[in-house]
Amino acid sequence: MIKKHPYRFRLWWRKRLPWFLIDLGIADKGKDCELVNAEHRWYNIDNKKSGCYYCKKIVNGKKWK
């Protein structure tokens, strides 16, 4: 059985809501996936930093590979 990510609904809403609503804080990212015992899902920010789709965590390095 695959454990579902606790922030998955936030990501679902972030993909569908207009940006001005997201900027107001509706469907904002979680604080940190590790706090809820979940794995990060990384994306490329600027070829130097990686950001998590689910939470606000940003780290140096290419984690998305």
PDB file of N, CA and C in Angstrom:
ATOM      1  N   MET A   1       0.846  -1.186   0.000  1.00  0.00           N
ATOM      2  CA  MET A   1       0.000   0.000   0.000  1.00  0.00           C
ATOM      3  C   MET A   1       0.889   1.247   0.000  1.00  0.00           C
ATOM      4  N   ILE A   2       0.593   2.184  -0.876  1.00  0.00           N
ATOM      5  CA  ILE A   2       1.365   3.412  -0.982  1.00  0.00           C
ATOM      6  C   ILE A   2       0.783   4.448  -0.015  1.00  0.00           C
ATOM      7  N   LYS A   3       1.668   5.012   0.811  1.00  0.00           N
ATOM      8  CA  LYS A   3       1.238   6.055   1.736  1.00  0.00           C
ATOM      9  C   LYS A   3       1.067   7.361   0.967  1.00  0.00           C
ATOM     10  N   LYS A   4      -0.082   7.986   1.093  1.00  0.00           N
ATOM     11  CA  LYS A   4      -0.348   9.229   0.371  1.00  0.00           C
ATOM     12  C   LYS A   4       0.246  10.413   1.133  1.00  0.00           C
ATOM     13  N   HIS A   5       0.713  11.372   0.387  1.00  0.00           N
ATOM     14  CA  HIS A   5       1.346  12.547   0.970  1.00  0.00           C
ATOM     15  C   HIS A   5       0.301  13.411   1.675  1.00  0.00           C
ATOM     16  N   PRO A   6       0.583  13.872   2.910  1.00  0.00           N
ATOM     17  CA  PRO A   6      -0.408  14.677   3.630  1.00  0.00           C
ATOM     18  C   PRO A   6      -0.701  16.041   2.998  1.00  0.00           C
ATOM     19  N   TYR A   7       0.211  16.568   2.190  1.00  0.00           N
ATOM     20  CA  TYR A   7       0.008  17.864   1.547  1.00  0.00           C
ATOM     21  C   TYR A   7      -0.491  17.736   0.109  1.00  0.00           C
ATOM     22  N   ARG A   8      -0.929  16.567  -0.310  1.00  0.00           N
ATOM     23  CA  ARG A   8      -1.300  16.347  -1.710  1.00  0.00           C
ATOM     24  C   ARG A   8      -2.490  17.201  -2.142  1.00  0.00           C
ATOM     25  N   PHE A   9      -3.430  17.449  -1.246  1.00  0.00           N
ATOM     26  CA  PHE A   9      -4.591  18.264  -1.620  1.00  0.00           C
ATOM     27  C   PHE A   9      -4.200  19.723  -1.825  1.00  0.00           C
ATOM     28  N   ARG A  10      -3.239  20.202  -1.052  1.00  0.00           N
ATOM     29  CA  ARG A  10      -2.760  21.570  -1.258  1.00  0.00           C
ATOM     30  C   ARG A  10      -2.137  21.708  -2.640  1.00  0.00           C
ATOM     31  N   LEU A  11      -1.349  20.728  -3.033  1.00  0.00           N
ATOM     32  CA  LEU A  11      -0.735  20.755  -4.361  1.00  0.00           C
ATOM     33  C   LEU A  11      -1.811  20.698  -5.440  1.00  0.00           C
ATOM     34  N   TRP A  12      -2.815  19.870  -5.247  1.00  0.00           N
ATOM     35  CA  TRP A  12      -3.916  19.760  -6.206  1.00  0.00           C
ATOM     36  C   TRP A  12      -4.583  21.123  -6.379  1.00  0.00           C
ATOM     37  N   TRP A  13      -4.882  21.813  -5.267  1.00  0.00           N
ATOM     38  CA  TRP A  13      -5.512  23.129  -5.347  1.00  0.00           C
ATOM     39  C   TRP A  13      -4.590  24.159  -5.959  1.00  0.00           C
ATOM     40  N   ARG A  14      -3.288  24.107  -5.642  1.00  0.00           N
ATOM     41  CA  ARG A  14      -2.336  25.072  -6.185  1.00  0.00           C
ATOM     42  C   ARG A  14      -2.252  24.984  -7.709  1.00  0.00           C
ATOM     43  N   LYS A  15      -2.458  23.805  -8.244  1.00  0.00           N
ATOM     44  CA  LYS A  15      -2.426  23.636  -9.699  1.00  0.00           C
ATOM     45  C   LYS A  15      -3.665  24.226 -10.376  1.00  0.00           C
ATOM     46  N   ARG A  16      -4.741  24.390  -9.629  1.00  0.00           N
ATOM     47  CA  ARG A  16      -6.009  24.774 -10.232  1.00  0.00           C
ATOM     48  C   ARG A  16      -6.481  26.195  -9.905  1.00  0.00           C
ATOM     49  N   LEU A  17      -6.039  26.756  -8.787  1.00  0.00           N
ATOM     50  CA  LEU A  17      -6.483  28.093  -8.392  1.00  0.00           C
ATOM     51  C   LEU A  17      -5.709  29.182  -9.126  1.00  0.00           C
ATOM     52  N   PRO A  18      -6.324  30.337  -9.323  1.00  0.00           N
ATOM     53  CA  PRO A  18      -5.592  31.473  -9.889  1.00  0.00           C
ATOM     54  C   PRO A  18      -4.514  31.942  -8.904  1.00  0.00           C
ATOM     55  N   TRP A  19      -3.424  32.491  -9.431  1.00  0.00           N
ATOM     56  CA  TRP A  19      -2.287  32.877  -8.593  1.00  0.00           C
ATOM     57  C   TRP A  19      -2.644  33.918  -7.557  1.00  0.00           C
ATOM     58  N   PHE A  20      -3.560  34.841  -7.865  1.00  0.00           N
ATOM     59  CA  PHE A  20      -3.872  35.869  -6.880  1.00  0.00           C
ATOM     60  C   PHE A  20      -4.492  35.269  -5.619  1.00  0.00           C
ATOM     61  N   LEU A  21      -5.223  34.167  -5.746  1.00  0.00           N
ATOM     62  CA  LEU A  21      -5.764  33.489  -4.563  1.00  0.00           C
ATOM     63  C   LEU A  21      -4.664  32.765  -3.784  1.00  0.00           C
ATOM     64  N   ILE A  22      -3.730  32.175  -4.495  1.00  0.00           N
ATOM     65  CA  ILE A  22      -2.615  31.508  -3.826  1.00  0.00           C
ATOM     66  C   ILE A  22      -1.760  32.535  -3.096  1.00  0.00           C
ATOM     67  N   ASP A  23      -1.558  33.702  -3.701  1.00  0.00           N
ATOM     68  CA  ASP A  23      -0.793  34.772  -3.061  1.00  0.00           C
ATOM     69  C   ASP A  23      -1.487  35.294  -1.796  1.00  0.00           C
ATOM     70  N   LEU A  24      -2.800  35.162  -1.731  1.00  0.00           N
ATOM     71  CA  LEU A  24      -3.529  35.558  -0.528  1.00  0.00           C
ATOM     72  C   LEU A  24      -3.409  34.535   0.596  1.00  0.00           C
ATOM     73  N   GLY A  25      -2.847  33.374   0.303  1.00  0.00           N
ATOM     74  CA  GLY A  25      -2.644  32.356   1.329  1.00  0.00           C
ATOM     75  C   GLY A  25      -3.566  31.160   1.224  1.00  0.00           C
ATOM     76  N   ILE A  26      -4.466  31.176   0.278  1.00  0.00           N
ATOM     77  CA  ILE A  26      -5.341  30.024   0.077  1.00  0.00           C
ATOM     78  C   ILE A  26      -4.515  28.916  -0.571  1.00  0.00           C
ATOM     79  N   ALA A  27      -4.543  27.736  -0.009  1.00  0.00           N
ATOM     80  CA  ALA A  27      -3.780  26.574  -0.507  1.00  0.00           C
ATOM     81  C   ALA A  27      -2.285  26.844  -0.482  1.00  0.00           C
ATOM     82  N   ASP A  28      -1.823  27.535   0.541  1.00  0.00           N
ATOM     83  CA  ASP A  28      -0.397  27.797   0.695  1.00  0.00           C
ATOM     84  C   ASP A  28       0.352  26.485   0.936  1.00  0.00           C
ATOM     85  N   LYS A  29       1.633  26.478   0.651  1.00  0.00           N
ATOM     86  CA  LYS A  29       2.447  25.283   0.868  1.00  0.00           C
ATOM     87  C   LYS A  29       2.578  24.994   2.353  1.00  0.00           C
ATOM     88  N   GLY A  30       2.826  23.726   2.680  1.00  0.00           N
ATOM     89  CA  GLY A  30       3.063  23.338   4.062  1.00  0.00           C
ATOM     90  C   GLY A  30       4.416  23.852   4.543  1.00  0.00           C
ATOM     91  N   LYS A  31       4.664  23.772   5.860  1.00  0.00           N
ATOM     92  CA  LYS A  31       5.929  24.267   6.414  1.00  0.00           C
ATOM     93  C   LYS A  31       7.096  23.378   6.009  1.00  0.00           C
ATOM     94  N   ASP A  32       6.997  22.089   6.270  1.00  0.00           N
ATOM     95  CA  ASP A  32       8.086  21.169   5.968  1.00  0.00           C
ATOM     96  C   ASP A  32       7.543  19.750   5.934  1.00  0.00           C
ATOM     97  N   CYS A  33       7.804  19.036   4.861  1.00  0.00           N
ATOM     98  CA  CYS A  33       7.325  17.659   4.712  1.00  0.00           C
ATOM     99  C   CYS A  33       7.869  16.750   5.814  1.00  0.00           C
ATOM    100  N   GLU A  34       9.094  17.003   6.256  1.00  0.00           N
ATOM    101  CA  GLU A  34       9.713  16.155   7.269  1.00  0.00           C
ATOM    102  C   GLU A  34       8.973  16.226   8.599  1.00  0.00           C
ATOM    103  N   LEU A  35       8.314  17.340   8.894  1.00  0.00           N
ATOM    104  CA  LEU A  35       7.564  17.479  10.138  1.00  0.00           C
ATOM    105  C   LEU A  35       6.351  16.558  10.182  1.00  0.00           C
ATOM    106  N   VAL A  36       5.848  16.163   9.018  1.00  0.00           N
ATOM    107  CA  VAL A  36       4.697  15.250   8.951  1.00  0.00           C
ATOM    108  C   VAL A  36       5.116  13.870   8.444  1.00  0.00           C
ATOM    109  N   ASN A  37       6.414  13.575   8.529  1.00  0.00           N
ATOM    110  CA  ASN A  37       6.980  12.272   8.120  1.00  0.00           C
ATOM    111  C   ASN A  37       6.660  11.920   6.671  1.00  0.00           C
ATOM    112  N   ALA A  38       6.848  12.879   5.789  1.00  0.00           N
ATOM    113  CA  ALA A  38       6.614  12.662   4.362  1.00  0.00           C
ATOM    114  C   ALA A  38       7.880  13.034   3.583  1.00  0.00           C
ATOM    115  N   GLU A  39       7.981  12.530   2.369  1.00  0.00           N
ATOM    116  CA  GLU A  39       9.135  12.819   1.528  1.00  0.00           C
ATOM    117  C   GLU A  39       8.892  14.067   0.695  1.00  0.00           C
ATOM    118  N   HIS A  40       9.974  14.790   0.436  1.00  0.00           N
ATOM    119  CA  HIS A  40       9.909  15.949  -0.437  1.00  0.00           C
ATOM    120  C   HIS A  40       9.828  15.491  -1.891  1.00  0.00           C
ATOM    121  N   ARG A  41       9.253  16.326  -2.726  1.00  0.00           N
ATOM    122  CA  ARG A  41       9.253  16.112  -4.178  1.00  0.00           C
ATOM    123  C   ARG A  41       9.856  17.376  -4.781  1.00  0.00           C
ATOM    124  N   TRP A  42      11.064  17.248  -5.304  1.00  0.00           N
ATOM    125  CA  TRP A  42      11.869  18.402  -5.675  1.00  0.00           C
ATOM    126  C   TRP A  42      11.635  18.859  -7.110  1.00  0.00           C
ATOM    127  N   TYR A  43      11.810  20.164  -7.321  1.00  0.00           N
ATOM    128  CA  TYR A  43      11.816  20.754  -8.656  1.00  0.00           C
ATOM    129  C   TYR A  43      12.978  21.733  -8.750  1.00  0.00           C
ATOM    130  N   ASN A  44      13.374  22.065  -9.967  1.00  0.00           N
ATOM    131  CA  ASN A  44      14.486  22.961 -10.239  1.00  0.00           C
ATOM    132  C   ASN A  44      14.014  24.414 -10.123  1.00  0.00           C
ATOM    133  N   ILE A  45      14.693  25.195  -9.287  1.00  0.00           N
ATOM    134  CA  ILE A  45      14.363  26.614  -9.174  1.00  0.00           C
ATOM    135  C   ILE A  45      15.210  27.428 -10.144  1.00  0.00           C
ATOM    136  N   ASP A  46      16.529  27.271 -10.076  1.00  0.00           N
ATOM    137  CA  ASP A  46      17.420  28.099 -10.905  1.00  0.00           C
ATOM    138  C   ASP A  46      18.715  27.376 -11.288  1.00  0.00           C
ATOM    139  N   ASN A  47      18.686  26.068 -11.379  1.00  0.00           N
ATOM    140  CA  ASN A  47      19.850  25.221 -11.662  1.00  0.00           C
ATOM    141  C   ASN A  47      20.873  25.219 -10.532  1.00  0.00           C
ATOM    142  N   LYS A  48      20.593  25.922  -9.441  1.00  0.00           N
ATOM    143  CA  LYS A  48      21.470  25.921  -8.271  1.00  0.00           C
ATOM    144  C   LYS A  48      20.719  25.513  -7.010  1.00  0.00           C
ATOM    145  N   LYS A  49      19.413  25.746  -6.991  1.00  0.00           N
ATOM    146  CA  LYS A  49      18.587  25.455  -5.830  1.00  0.00           C
ATOM    147  C   LYS A  49      17.435  24.539  -6.216  1.00  0.00           C
ATOM    148  N   SER A  50      16.992  23.760  -5.235  1.00  0.00           N
ATOM    149  CA  SER A  50      15.848  22.877  -5.404  1.00  0.00           C
ATOM    150  C   SER A  50      14.751  23.303  -4.439  1.00  0.00           C
ATOM    151  N   GLY A  51      13.515  23.244  -4.902  1.00  0.00           N
ATOM    152  CA  GLY A  51      12.369  23.555  -4.059  1.00  0.00           C
ATOM    153  C   GLY A  51      11.423  22.375  -4.023  1.00  0.00           C
ATOM    154  N   CYS A  52      10.721  22.238  -2.929  1.00  0.00           N
ATOM    155  CA  CYS A  52       9.758  21.139  -2.782  1.00  0.00           C
ATOM    156  C   CYS A  52       8.395  21.590  -3.295  1.00  0.00           C
ATOM    157  N   TYR A  53       7.718  20.732  -4.061  1.00  0.00           N
ATOM    158  CA  TYR A  53       6.383  21.039  -4.562  1.00  0.00           C
ATOM    159  C   TYR A  53       5.377  21.167  -3.416  1.00  0.00           C
ATOM    160  N   TYR A  54       5.557  20.391  -2.355  1.00  0.00           N
ATOM    161  CA  TYR A  54       4.582  20.314  -1.283  1.00  0.00           C
ATOM    162  C   TYR A  54       4.790  21.325  -0.156  1.00  0.00           C
ATOM    163  N   CYS A  55       6.051  21.679   0.129  1.00  0.00           N
ATOM    164  CA  CYS A  55       6.315  22.564   1.263  1.00  0.00           C
ATOM    165  C   CYS A  55       7.212  23.725   0.848  1.00  0.00           C
ATOM    166  N   LYS A  56       7.520  24.577   1.796  1.00  0.00           N
ATOM    167  CA  LYS A  56       8.279  25.796   1.527  1.00  0.00           C
ATOM    168  C   LYS A  56       9.786  25.591   1.549  1.00  0.00           C
ATOM    169  N   LYS A  57      10.242  24.359   1.718  1.00  0.00           N
ATOM    170  CA  LYS A  57      11.671  24.102   1.855  1.00  0.00           C
ATOM    171  C   LYS A  57      12.409  24.315   0.527  1.00  0.00           C
ATOM    172  N   ILE A  58      13.530  25.049   0.621  1.00  0.00           N
ATOM    173  CA  ILE A  58      14.427  25.288  -0.514  1.00  0.00           C
ATOM    174  C   ILE A  58      15.829  24.928  -0.051  1.00  0.00           C
ATOM    175  N   VAL A  59      16.542  24.146  -0.848  1.00  0.00           N
ATOM    176  CA  VAL A  59      17.896  23.732  -0.493  1.00  0.00           C
ATOM    177  C   VAL A  59      18.844  23.999  -1.663  1.00  0.00           C
ATOM    178  N   ASN A  60      20.097  24.159  -1.339  1.00  0.00           N
ATOM    179  CA  ASN A  60      21.122  24.302  -2.386  1.00  0.00           C
ATOM    180  C   ASN A  60      21.408  22.930  -2.984  1.00  0.00           C
ATOM    181  N   GLY A  61      21.660  22.900  -4.270  1.00  0.00           N
ATOM    182  CA  GLY A  61      21.986  21.646  -4.941  1.00  0.00           C
ATOM    183  C   GLY A  61      20.865  21.179  -5.851  1.00  0.00           C
ATOM    184  N   LYS A  62      21.180  20.199  -6.654  1.00  0.00           N
ATOM    185  CA  LYS A  62      20.241  19.663  -7.638  1.00  0.00           C
ATOM    186  C   LYS A  62      19.606  18.382  -7.098  1.00  0.00           C
ATOM    187  N   LYS A  63      18.560  18.515  -6.321  1.00  0.00           N
ATOM    188  CA  LYS A  63      17.853  17.375  -5.731  1.00  0.00           C
ATOM    189  C   LYS A  63      16.850  16.754  -6.704  1.00  0.00           C
ATOM    190  N   TRP A  64      16.497  17.489  -7.767  1.00  0.00           N
ATOM    191  CA  TRP A  64      15.443  17.014  -8.674  1.00  0.00           C
ATOM    192  C   TRP A  64      15.922  15.927  -9.599  1.00  0.00           C
ATOM    193  N   LYS A  65      17.180  15.638  -9.654  1.00  0.00           N
ATOM    194  CA  LYS A  65      17.707  14.604 -10.555  1.00  0.00           C
ATOM    195  C   LYS A  65      17.418  13.225 -10.045  1.00  0.00           C
TER     196      LYS A  65
END
